[in-house]
Amino acid sequence: MNYLQRTFFFIMFLIPTSVFAHGQEVLETFFIEVVSIILFLIFIIAIRFDLKRKMVLAGAYMLSSAATLYFTNSLPYRENMNKINLMIAFVPATIFFVTFLVLKSRPDGHINTTKE
């Protein structure tokens, strides 16, 4: 067994421990968030923007993801499982793509900041 396989098995062993839960319901939300972050990182690396625009996109994604987790944290999970999973998946993605389209539509490539 090589190093990569051992690392993979170790990470798979820790996934249920990291959410302190058993059962499929809670792990779905965890996997949705992990897949969302992985897709975000792949997209941020693949696009051809300068560093300032990538940072704006990353900030918009992280802020919307944190706000979504904050607002869904107080909801009872079993009664609102579908709503929570949909919000965790689609709210940050929607904010990210709207921000992406706004930044892409700027023809001059200039982003106003307070220090300019």
N, C-alpha and C. Protein backbone atom coordinates (compact mmCIF):
# COMPACT_ATOMS: atom_id res chain seq x y z
N MET A 1 0.85 -1.17 0.00
CA MET A 1 0.00 0.00 0.00
C MET A 1 0.90 1.24 0.00
N ASN A 2 0.72 2.09 -0.98
CA ASN A 2 1.57 3.25 -1.08
C ASN A 2 1.05 4.39 -0.19
N TYR A 3 1.80 5.48 -0.18
CA TYR A 3 1.50 6.61 0.69
C TYR A 3 0.14 7.23 0.36
N LEU A 4 -0.18 7.37 -0.92
CA LEU A 4 -1.43 7.98 -1.32
C LEU A 4 -2.63 7.16 -0.87
N GLN A 5 -2.55 5.86 -0.99
CA GLN A 5 -3.65 5.00 -0.55
C GLN A 5 -3.82 5.05 0.96
N ARG A 6 -2.73 5.06 1.70
CA ARG A 6 -2.84 5.16 3.16
C ARG A 6 -3.45 6.49 3.57
N THR A 7 -3.06 7.56 2.91
CA THR A 7 -3.63 8.86 3.22
C THR A 7 -5.11 8.89 2.90
N PHE A 8 -5.50 8.34 1.76
CA PHE A 8 -6.91 8.29 1.38
C PHE A 8 -7.73 7.50 2.41
N PHE A 9 -7.26 6.35 2.82
CA PHE A 9 -7.98 5.54 3.80
C PHE A 9 -8.06 6.24 5.16
N PHE A 10 -7.02 6.94 5.53
CA PHE A 10 -7.03 7.68 6.79
C PHE A 10 -8.05 8.81 6.75
N ILE A 11 -8.12 9.53 5.63
CA ILE A 11 -9.09 10.62 5.49
C ILE A 11 -10.51 10.06 5.48
N MET A 12 -10.73 8.97 4.78
CA MET A 12 -12.06 8.34 4.77
C MET A 12 -12.46 7.85 6.16
N PHE A 13 -11.50 7.42 6.94
CA PHE A 13 -11.77 6.99 8.30
C PHE A 13 -12.19 8.16 9.19
N LEU A 14 -11.63 9.35 8.94
CA LEU A 14 -11.91 10.51 9.78
C LEU A 14 -13.17 11.26 9.41
N ILE A 15 -13.74 11.04 8.23
CA ILE A 15 -14.90 11.82 7.81
C ILE A 15 -16.08 11.69 8.77
N PRO A 16 -16.53 10.50 9.17
CA PRO A 16 -17.63 10.46 10.14
C PRO A 16 -17.24 11.05 11.49
N THR A 17 -15.99 10.94 11.86
CA THR A 17 -15.54 11.49 13.14
C THR A 17 -15.59 13.01 13.13
N SER A 18 -15.35 13.61 11.98
CA SER A 18 -15.29 15.06 11.93
C SER A 18 -16.65 15.72 12.12
N VAL A 19 -17.73 15.03 11.84
CA VAL A 19 -19.06 15.60 12.06
C VAL A 19 -19.72 15.04 13.30
N PHE A 20 -19.06 14.12 13.98
CA PHE A 20 -19.57 13.51 15.20
C PHE A 20 -20.99 13.03 15.03
N ALA A 21 -21.23 12.27 14.00
CA ALA A 21 -22.58 11.80 13.73
C ALA A 21 -22.51 10.42 13.12
N HIS A 22 -23.61 9.76 13.19
CA HIS A 22 -23.76 8.51 12.48
C HIS A 22 -25.02 8.64 11.65
N GLY A 23 -25.07 7.96 10.60
CA GLY A 23 -26.23 8.06 9.73
C GLY A 23 -25.93 8.91 8.52
N GLN A 24 -26.77 8.72 7.55
CA GLN A 24 -26.55 9.35 6.26
C GLN A 24 -27.00 10.80 6.22
N GLU A 25 -27.96 11.18 7.03
CA GLU A 25 -28.56 12.51 6.91
C GLU A 25 -27.55 13.64 7.09
N VAL A 26 -26.78 13.58 8.16
CA VAL A 26 -25.85 14.67 8.44
C VAL A 26 -24.66 14.63 7.50
N LEU A 27 -24.25 13.45 7.10
CA LEU A 27 -23.10 13.34 6.21
C LEU A 27 -23.38 13.90 4.82
N GLU A 28 -24.64 13.89 4.39
CA GLU A 28 -24.97 14.49 3.09
C GLU A 28 -24.61 15.96 3.07
N THR A 29 -24.95 16.68 4.12
CA THR A 29 -24.64 18.10 4.20
C THR A 29 -23.13 18.32 4.19
N PHE A 30 -22.41 17.50 4.90
CA PHE A 30 -20.95 17.60 4.93
C PHE A 30 -20.35 17.36 3.55
N PHE A 31 -20.82 16.33 2.86
CA PHE A 31 -20.30 16.03 1.52
C PHE A 31 -20.68 17.12 0.52
N ILE A 32 -21.87 17.68 0.64
CA ILE A 32 -22.26 18.78 -0.24
C ILE A 32 -21.31 19.96 -0.07
N GLU A 33 -20.98 20.29 1.16
CA GLU A 33 -20.08 21.40 1.42
C GLU A 33 -18.67 21.11 0.89
N VAL A 34 -18.19 19.90 1.07
CA VAL A 34 -16.85 19.54 0.59
C VAL A 34 -16.80 19.59 -0.94
N VAL A 35 -17.80 19.03 -1.60
CA VAL A 35 -17.84 19.06 -3.07
C VAL A 35 -17.95 20.49 -3.57
N SER A 36 -18.72 21.31 -2.88
CA SER A 36 -18.86 22.72 -3.26
C SER A 36 -17.52 23.44 -3.17
N ILE A 37 -16.77 23.20 -2.12
CA ILE A 37 -15.46 23.84 -1.97
C ILE A 37 -14.49 23.34 -3.04
N ILE A 38 -14.51 22.05 -3.33
CA ILE A 38 -13.62 21.51 -4.37
C ILE A 38 -13.94 22.10 -5.73
N LEU A 39 -15.23 22.19 -6.08
CA LEU A 39 -15.62 22.79 -7.35
C LEU A 39 -15.23 24.26 -7.41
N PHE A 40 -15.38 24.97 -6.30
CA PHE A 40 -14.97 26.37 -6.24
C PHE A 40 -13.47 26.51 -6.51
N LEU A 41 -12.66 25.68 -5.87
CA LEU A 41 -11.22 25.76 -6.07
C LEU A 41 -10.81 25.42 -7.50
N ILE A 42 -11.45 24.43 -8.08
CA ILE A 42 -11.16 24.08 -9.48
C ILE A 42 -11.52 25.24 -10.40
N PHE A 43 -12.67 25.85 -10.18
CA PHE A 43 -13.11 26.95 -11.03
C PHE A 43 -12.21 28.17 -10.85
N ILE A 44 -11.84 28.47 -9.63
CA ILE A 44 -11.01 29.66 -9.37
C ILE A 44 -9.63 29.50 -10.01
N ILE A 45 -9.11 28.27 -10.06
CA ILE A 45 -7.81 28.03 -10.69
C ILE A 45 -7.94 28.08 -12.21
N ALA A 46 -9.07 27.64 -12.75
CA ALA A 46 -9.22 27.51 -14.19
C ALA A 46 -9.53 28.83 -14.90
N ILE A 47 -10.14 29.79 -14.21
CA ILE A 47 -10.53 31.02 -14.91
C ILE A 47 -9.32 31.91 -15.14
N ARG A 48 -9.45 32.76 -16.14
CA ARG A 48 -8.36 33.67 -16.50
C ARG A 48 -8.70 35.08 -16.03
N PHE A 49 -8.58 35.28 -14.76
CA PHE A 49 -8.74 36.60 -14.16
C PHE A 49 -7.44 36.96 -13.47
N ASP A 50 -7.26 38.27 -13.24
CA ASP A 50 -6.11 38.68 -12.46
C ASP A 50 -6.37 38.35 -10.98
N LEU A 51 -5.35 38.52 -10.18
CA LEU A 51 -5.43 38.11 -8.78
C LEU A 51 -6.48 38.90 -8.00
N LYS A 52 -6.64 40.18 -8.34
CA LYS A 52 -7.61 41.01 -7.63
C LYS A 52 -9.03 40.49 -7.85
N ARG A 53 -9.36 40.13 -9.06
CA ARG A 53 -10.70 39.60 -9.35
C ARG A 53 -10.90 38.22 -8.71
N LYS A 54 -9.86 37.41 -8.72
CA LYS A 54 -9.98 36.10 -8.06
C LYS A 54 -10.21 36.26 -6.57
N MET A 55 -9.58 37.25 -5.97
CA MET A 55 -9.79 37.50 -4.54
C MET A 55 -11.21 38.00 -4.26
N VAL A 56 -11.74 38.82 -5.15
CA VAL A 56 -13.12 39.26 -4.99
C VAL A 56 -14.07 38.07 -5.09
N LEU A 57 -13.83 37.19 -6.04
CA LEU A 57 -14.65 35.97 -6.17
C LEU A 57 -14.52 35.08 -4.94
N ALA A 58 -13.31 34.90 -4.45
CA ALA A 58 -13.11 34.07 -3.26
C ALA A 58 -13.79 34.67 -2.05
N GLY A 59 -13.70 35.98 -1.90
CA GLY A 59 -14.37 36.64 -0.78
C GLY A 59 -15.88 36.51 -0.86
N ALA A 60 -16.43 36.67 -2.06
CA ALA A 60 -17.88 36.53 -2.22
C ALA A 60 -18.33 35.11 -1.90
N TYR A 61 -17.56 34.13 -2.35
CA TYR A 61 -17.92 32.74 -2.07
C TYR A 61 -17.83 32.43 -0.58
N MET A 62 -16.74 32.81 0.04
CA MET A 62 -16.55 32.50 1.46
C MET A 62 -17.58 33.22 2.33
N LEU A 63 -17.86 34.47 2.02
CA LEU A 63 -18.85 35.23 2.79
C LEU A 63 -20.24 34.63 2.63
N SER A 64 -20.62 34.28 1.41
CA SER A 64 -21.95 33.69 1.21
C SER A 64 -22.04 32.30 1.82
N SER A 65 -20.97 31.54 1.78
CA SER A 65 -20.97 30.22 2.40
C SER A 65 -21.07 30.33 3.92
N ALA A 66 -20.32 31.24 4.51
CA ALA A 66 -20.38 31.43 5.96
C ALA A 66 -21.75 31.95 6.39
N ALA A 67 -22.32 32.88 5.63
CA ALA A 67 -23.64 33.40 5.97
C ALA A 67 -24.71 32.32 5.85
N THR A 68 -24.61 31.48 4.85
CA THR A 68 -25.58 30.39 4.69
C THR A 68 -25.48 29.41 5.85
N LEU A 69 -24.28 29.05 6.23
CA LEU A 69 -24.11 28.14 7.37
C LEU A 69 -24.60 28.79 8.66
N TYR A 70 -24.39 30.08 8.82
CA TYR A 70 -24.85 30.78 10.02
C TYR A 70 -26.38 30.79 10.10
N PHE A 71 -27.05 31.08 8.98
CA PHE A 71 -28.51 31.17 9.01
C PHE A 71 -29.19 29.81 9.06
N THR A 72 -28.56 28.78 8.53
CA THR A 72 -29.17 27.45 8.59
C THR A 72 -28.82 26.71 9.87
N ASN A 73 -27.91 27.23 10.65
CA ASN A 73 -27.49 26.57 11.88
C ASN A 73 -28.61 26.48 12.91
N SER A 74 -29.50 27.45 12.95
CA SER A 74 -30.55 27.46 13.96
C SER A 74 -31.79 26.67 13.55
N LEU A 75 -31.85 26.19 12.32
CA LEU A 75 -33.01 25.42 11.87
C LEU A 75 -32.93 23.99 12.39
N PRO A 76 -34.07 23.41 12.79
CA PRO A 76 -34.06 21.98 13.15
C PRO A 76 -33.73 21.15 11.92
N TYR A 77 -32.76 20.25 12.05
CA TYR A 77 -32.22 19.58 10.87
C TYR A 77 -33.20 18.60 10.24
N ARG A 78 -33.81 17.75 11.02
CA ARG A 78 -34.67 16.70 10.44
C ARG A 78 -35.85 17.28 9.68
N GLU A 79 -36.46 18.33 10.20
CA GLU A 79 -37.62 18.92 9.54
C GLU A 79 -37.23 19.72 8.29
N ASN A 80 -36.02 20.25 8.27
CA ASN A 80 -35.60 21.14 7.18
C ASN A 80 -34.40 20.61 6.42
N MET A 81 -34.22 19.30 6.38
CA MET A 81 -33.04 18.71 5.76
C MET A 81 -32.90 19.11 4.29
N ASN A 82 -33.97 19.02 3.52
CA ASN A 82 -33.88 19.36 2.10
C ASN A 82 -33.60 20.84 1.90
N LYS A 83 -34.26 21.68 2.68
CA LYS A 83 -34.05 23.12 2.56
C LYS A 83 -32.60 23.50 2.91
N ILE A 84 -32.08 22.91 3.97
CA ILE A 84 -30.70 23.20 4.38
C ILE A 84 -29.71 22.75 3.31
N ASN A 85 -29.89 21.54 2.79
CA ASN A 85 -28.97 21.03 1.77
C ASN A 85 -29.04 21.85 0.49
N LEU A 86 -30.23 22.26 0.09
CA LEU A 86 -30.36 23.09 -1.11
C LEU A 86 -29.73 24.46 -0.90
N MET A 87 -29.96 25.05 0.27
CA MET A 87 -29.37 26.36 0.54
C MET A 87 -27.85 26.30 0.59
N ILE A 88 -27.31 25.27 1.22
CA ILE A 88 -25.86 25.14 1.31
C ILE A 88 -25.24 24.93 -0.07
N ALA A 89 -25.96 24.26 -0.95
CA ALA A 89 -25.43 24.00 -2.29
C ALA A 89 -25.60 25.20 -3.22
N PHE A 90 -26.77 25.83 -3.22
CA PHE A 90 -27.08 26.79 -4.28
C PHE A 90 -26.87 28.25 -3.93
N VAL A 91 -26.96 28.64 -2.68
CA VAL A 91 -26.77 30.06 -2.34
C VAL A 91 -25.33 30.50 -2.61
N PRO A 92 -24.31 29.81 -2.10
CA PRO A 92 -22.94 30.25 -2.43
C PRO A 92 -22.62 30.15 -3.93
N ALA A 93 -23.14 29.12 -4.59
CA ALA A 93 -22.89 28.98 -6.03
C ALA A 93 -23.53 30.12 -6.81
N THR A 94 -24.74 30.49 -6.43
CA THR A 94 -25.43 31.59 -7.11
C THR A 94 -24.71 32.91 -6.90
N ILE A 95 -24.33 33.20 -5.68
CA ILE A 95 -23.59 34.44 -5.39
C ILE A 95 -22.26 34.46 -6.14
N PHE A 96 -21.59 33.31 -6.18
CA PHE A 96 -20.31 33.22 -6.89
C PHE A 96 -20.49 33.50 -8.38
N PHE A 97 -21.48 32.89 -9.01
CA PHE A 97 -21.65 33.07 -10.45
C PHE A 97 -22.18 34.45 -10.80
N VAL A 98 -23.00 35.05 -9.95
CA VAL A 98 -23.43 36.43 -10.20
C VAL A 98 -22.23 37.37 -10.10
N THR A 99 -21.40 37.18 -9.09
CA THR A 99 -20.19 37.99 -8.96
C THR A 99 -19.25 37.77 -10.15
N PHE A 100 -19.14 36.52 -10.58
CA PHE A 100 -18.31 36.21 -11.75
C PHE A 100 -18.81 36.94 -12.99
N LEU A 101 -20.13 36.91 -13.22
CA LEU A 101 -20.69 37.58 -14.40
C LEU A 101 -20.52 39.09 -14.32
N VAL A 102 -20.65 39.67 -13.13
CA VAL A 102 -20.46 41.11 -12.98
C VAL A 102 -19.00 41.48 -13.26
N LEU A 103 -18.08 40.72 -12.73
CA LEU A 103 -16.66 41.01 -12.97
C LEU A 103 -16.27 40.77 -14.43
N LYS A 104 -16.87 39.79 -15.05
CA LYS A 104 -16.57 39.50 -16.45
C LYS A 104 -17.14 40.56 -17.38
N SER A 105 -18.24 41.19 -16.99
CA SER A 105 -18.88 42.18 -17.85
C SER A 105 -18.17 43.53 -17.84
N ARG A 106 -17.25 43.75 -16.92
CA ARG A 106 -16.51 45.01 -16.89
C ARG A 106 -15.49 45.03 -18.03
N PRO A 107 -15.67 45.90 -19.02
CA PRO A 107 -14.77 45.89 -20.18
C PRO A 107 -13.38 46.44 -19.88
N ASP A 108 -13.28 47.40 -18.95
CA ASP A 108 -11.98 48.03 -18.73
C ASP A 108 -11.10 47.26 -17.76
N GLY A 109 -11.67 46.30 -17.06
CA GLY A 109 -10.88 45.49 -16.14
C GLY A 109 -10.50 46.22 -14.87
N HIS A 110 -11.16 47.35 -14.59
CA HIS A 110 -10.82 48.15 -13.42
C HIS A 110 -11.80 47.86 -12.30
N ILE A 111 -11.27 47.56 -11.13
CA ILE A 111 -12.09 47.35 -9.94
C ILE A 111 -11.76 48.47 -8.98
N ASN A 112 -12.77 49.22 -8.56
CA ASN A 112 -12.55 50.33 -7.65
C ASN A 112 -12.25 49.82 -6.25
N THR A 113 -11.21 50.35 -5.66
CA THR A 113 -10.90 50.06 -4.26
C THR A 113 -10.71 51.38 -3.54
N THR A 114 -10.59 51.34 -2.24
CA THR A 114 -10.49 52.57 -1.47
C THR A 114 -9.11 53.20 -1.54
N LYS A 115 -8.08 52.46 -1.91
CA LYS A 115 -6.72 52.98 -1.93
C LYS A 115 -6.29 53.53 -3.28
N GLU A 116 -7.16 53.54 -4.25
CA GLU A 116 -6.76 54.02 -5.58
C GLU A 116 -7.06 55.48 -5.74
